[in-house]
Amino acid sequence: MNSGGNSVPLRLGVLISGTGSNLQALIDAIESKKLANVEIALVVSNKANAYGLQRALTHNLPVVYLPW
């Protein structure tokens, strides 16, 4: 917690290579407040055509494609 009493959110980096079903589960849990004080800071994929990248972009999450 910071001195003002507000806690700093846990920032997640999510790795995907396909449909992003686990990413979507995280998004849903965060949006429904089941995961309180958590945010997705970055989504990374090793596949440029991974559908999970589209899921991330739909929710305005930053994405990175790393081809290695």
Protein backbone atom coordinates (compact mmCIF):
# COMPACT_ATOMS: atom_id res chain seq x y z
CA MET A 1 0.00 0.00 0.00
CA ASN A 2 1.13 3.53 -0.58
CA SER A 3 0.99 6.27 2.02
CA GLY A 4 -2.42 7.45 0.82
CA GLY A 5 -4.00 4.12 1.66
CA ASN A 6 -4.63 3.19 -1.97
CA SER A 7 -3.04 -0.05 -3.04
CA VAL A 8 -1.12 -0.23 -6.29
CA PRO A 9 -2.74 -2.66 -8.73
CA LEU A 10 -0.99 -5.89 -9.58
CA ARG A 11 0.11 -5.50 -13.20
CA LEU A 12 0.11 -8.71 -15.24
CA GLY A 13 1.93 -9.64 -18.41
CA VAL A 14 0.07 -12.41 -20.23
CA LEU A 15 1.77 -14.78 -22.68
CA ILE A 16 -0.37 -16.29 -25.44
CA SER A 17 0.15 -18.38 -28.57
CA GLY A 18 -3.37 -19.21 -29.67
CA THR A 19 -6.97 -18.30 -29.00
CA GLY A 20 -6.30 -16.51 -25.74
CA SER A 21 -8.97 -18.35 -23.77
CA ASN A 22 -7.02 -17.94 -20.53
CA LEU A 23 -6.49 -14.27 -21.37
CA GLN A 24 -10.25 -13.91 -21.82
CA ALA A 25 -10.86 -15.59 -18.46
CA LEU A 26 -8.52 -13.04 -16.84
CA ILE A 27 -10.24 -10.15 -18.64
CA ASP A 28 -13.66 -11.38 -17.52
CA ALA A 29 -12.53 -11.82 -13.91
CA ILE A 30 -10.96 -8.36 -13.83
CA GLU A 31 -13.98 -6.67 -15.41
CA SER A 32 -16.39 -8.43 -13.02
CA LYS A 33 -14.19 -7.46 -10.04
CA LYS A 34 -13.57 -11.12 -9.13
CA LEU A 35 -9.89 -10.20 -9.47
CA ALA A 36 -9.80 -6.93 -7.61
CA ASN A 37 -6.93 -4.50 -7.97
CA VAL A 38 -5.42 -6.36 -10.94
CA GLU A 39 -4.75 -5.03 -14.43
CA ILE A 40 -3.29 -6.53 -17.58
CA ALA A 41 -0.31 -4.39 -18.53
CA LEU A 42 0.83 -6.30 -21.62
CA VAL A 43 -0.10 -9.24 -23.83
CA VAL A 44 2.74 -11.01 -25.65
CA SER A 45 2.44 -13.57 -28.43
CA ASN A 46 4.93 -15.55 -30.48
CA LYS A 47 2.34 -15.93 -33.26
CA ALA A 48 1.26 -12.89 -35.26
CA ASN A 49 -2.10 -14.45 -36.16
CA ALA A 50 -3.00 -15.59 -32.64
CA TYR A 51 -6.67 -14.81 -32.03
CA GLY A 52 -5.77 -13.82 -28.48
CA LEU A 53 -4.16 -10.67 -29.88
CA GLN A 54 -7.55 -9.63 -31.25
CA ARG A 55 -9.12 -10.31 -27.85
CA ALA A 56 -6.52 -8.05 -26.25
CA LEU A 57 -6.97 -5.27 -28.80
CA THR A 58 -10.76 -5.42 -28.35
CA HIS A 59 -10.17 -4.57 -24.68
CA ASN A 60 -7.60 -1.86 -25.49
CA LEU A 61 -4.73 -3.85 -24.01
CA PRO A 62 -1.21 -3.27 -25.31
CA VAL A 63 0.14 -6.17 -27.38
CA VAL A 64 3.58 -7.26 -28.55
CA TYR A 65 4.46 -9.88 -31.16
CA LEU A 66 7.84 -11.54 -30.62
CA PRO A 67 8.60 -14.01 -33.40
CA TRP A 68 11.13 -16.15 -31.49
